[in-house]
C-alpha cells in the first residue's frame, strides 16, 4: 500500500499562527499535526510527484508539435487518458481534460442548456408538443446538496432567465436524493438531471444507477413523443479513490473527475459518453483544436501525467485503499462513542438505509459552547473542518446540508467532519481523540 506521509506535519511558528482549523497559536515547533481533512484535498502521492517531475523535464514539448519532444508529450497525455478511462470503465475517447471539477461541471451545465435550445430550433414535432416546449426555457433538475460548482451556475442561469431549475430535497430519513422525487420534478422542458455521486460532508452515496435506469425509461417515452432527451450527470469528486466507479453501471452521460481528491494534481477531467456523437458537448472556450475542440488550450502535460498516474494507482489498489480507510474510520467512530458517550455524541452521517463513503465521519459532540469551529480552534493536533472548505467563510452558521438532512440546528452547529486518508492509522485516531477530549474540557 502506498504510504502518503501527510499525517505528521511539522509547522513552523508562522504557519501555526495562520492555521485556521488546527491550532490555538500556543503550540511549539515540535507539535505533531494529524491531517483528517482528506475530503477537502489530498497530498500528491509520491509516485505522482515523481511522474510530474519527470514530465516537466522530459516532456516539455508542445503536444501538438511533430518533433520528438512534442510527440513524447502527446504520448504521455494519451497514456493518462487511457488510465482515467480504465478507472471509470469508459473509453479513452470519452475523457476530456479540464482545469478541474468546477470547469467540468460548468461545461456540462452549459452543454445541457445549449443542446436544448439548439435542438429545439429544428425539432419536427406536432402542434401539441410544440405548444409544450417551443419558446420555453430549458429546465434543469439538481439537488439541494450539490457542490457550488453545480448549484451556482444553475442559479445564475435562472437569474439571467436562461433556464428554469428544480432543486430536489434530500430525504431526512436517508440523506439521499430520492429517485421518485427527481422523477416527479420532470417537465416536458427538462434537459438534464445532475446529482452528485457522494456527498462531501455526510459521505452519503446517492442512488445514481437507479436514477439513470429510471430516466432511461422516461427518455424512451419522451423520444417517441417528440420531447427532448434528458441528460444525466454526476459529480464523482468524492467517490473516486474511495470505491470503484463504473460509468457503465452508473449509466450516466457525464461524470466529473477531480484530481486533488485522489492524490493527484489540481486538474480534472470530464467523462462524456461518446462526446459530440452519442452525447452532446459544447465548448465554453474557443481557440486551438486541443481535446478535439471541446476544450482548447495547450495541454498541461505534467499535471495530466500526474492525474494519469494517480488513476493508475486507483486502478491497482482501490479495494486496498477502501478497506484500510473503512477500518480506520470505523475505529474512529468506536473511540468517539466510547469517550464521549456520557457527554453525548451524535453521528450525523449514520442514516438508516444509506451507504456512505469509507473514509467520512460527520459527528457532533453535544453541549453548549462546543460549536465545531470553536472546538477545532482549541485543538492542538487535529487538522480538520466542519464541512466543505468552499463554505469556510460561513462562520458559526451550521451546514445547510446537515439541516437539509434533518439534523437539528443546535446539533448541526457542533458538527465536525473528519475524513481519513490512505495513510491514517489507529494511532493517529488515538491522538486526535485525546486532543478533542482536552479541547472539550477547556470549553466547559
Foldseek 3Di string as FASTA:
>chain_A
DFADPPQWDFDALVCQVPFQQAAQSPDHRRFTAGEFALLQFDAAGPVLVVLLVCCVVQQVDFCVDDDDSNVVLVVLLQLLLCLVCLQAAHHSLQKFWFLFQLVQLLQVVVFLQVCLVVVVVPQDADPVLCVFAPPAAAEEEEAPQDDCSNVVVVVVCVVVRRHHYDHQFAALQALERDLVSRVVPDGLRYREYEYAQAGSFLQWGYPQLVNLVVLVVVQVVCVVNRGHRYAYEYEDDQPRLQDGHYCVSSNHQKYWYAQRSQNADGITMMGGRPYPPPGDTDAPDADDCPSNRRYDDGDPSSRSSSSSVSSNCCSVCSVVFNVVLLVLQVLLVVLCCVPLVVQDKAFLNDRPPTDGGSFKTKMFRDDPQQFQSQLSHQFNHYDFAQTHPVCRVVPQAFDPSSVSSVDDRRGSSRMTMGGDGSNDDNVSSVVVSVRSVVSVVVRD
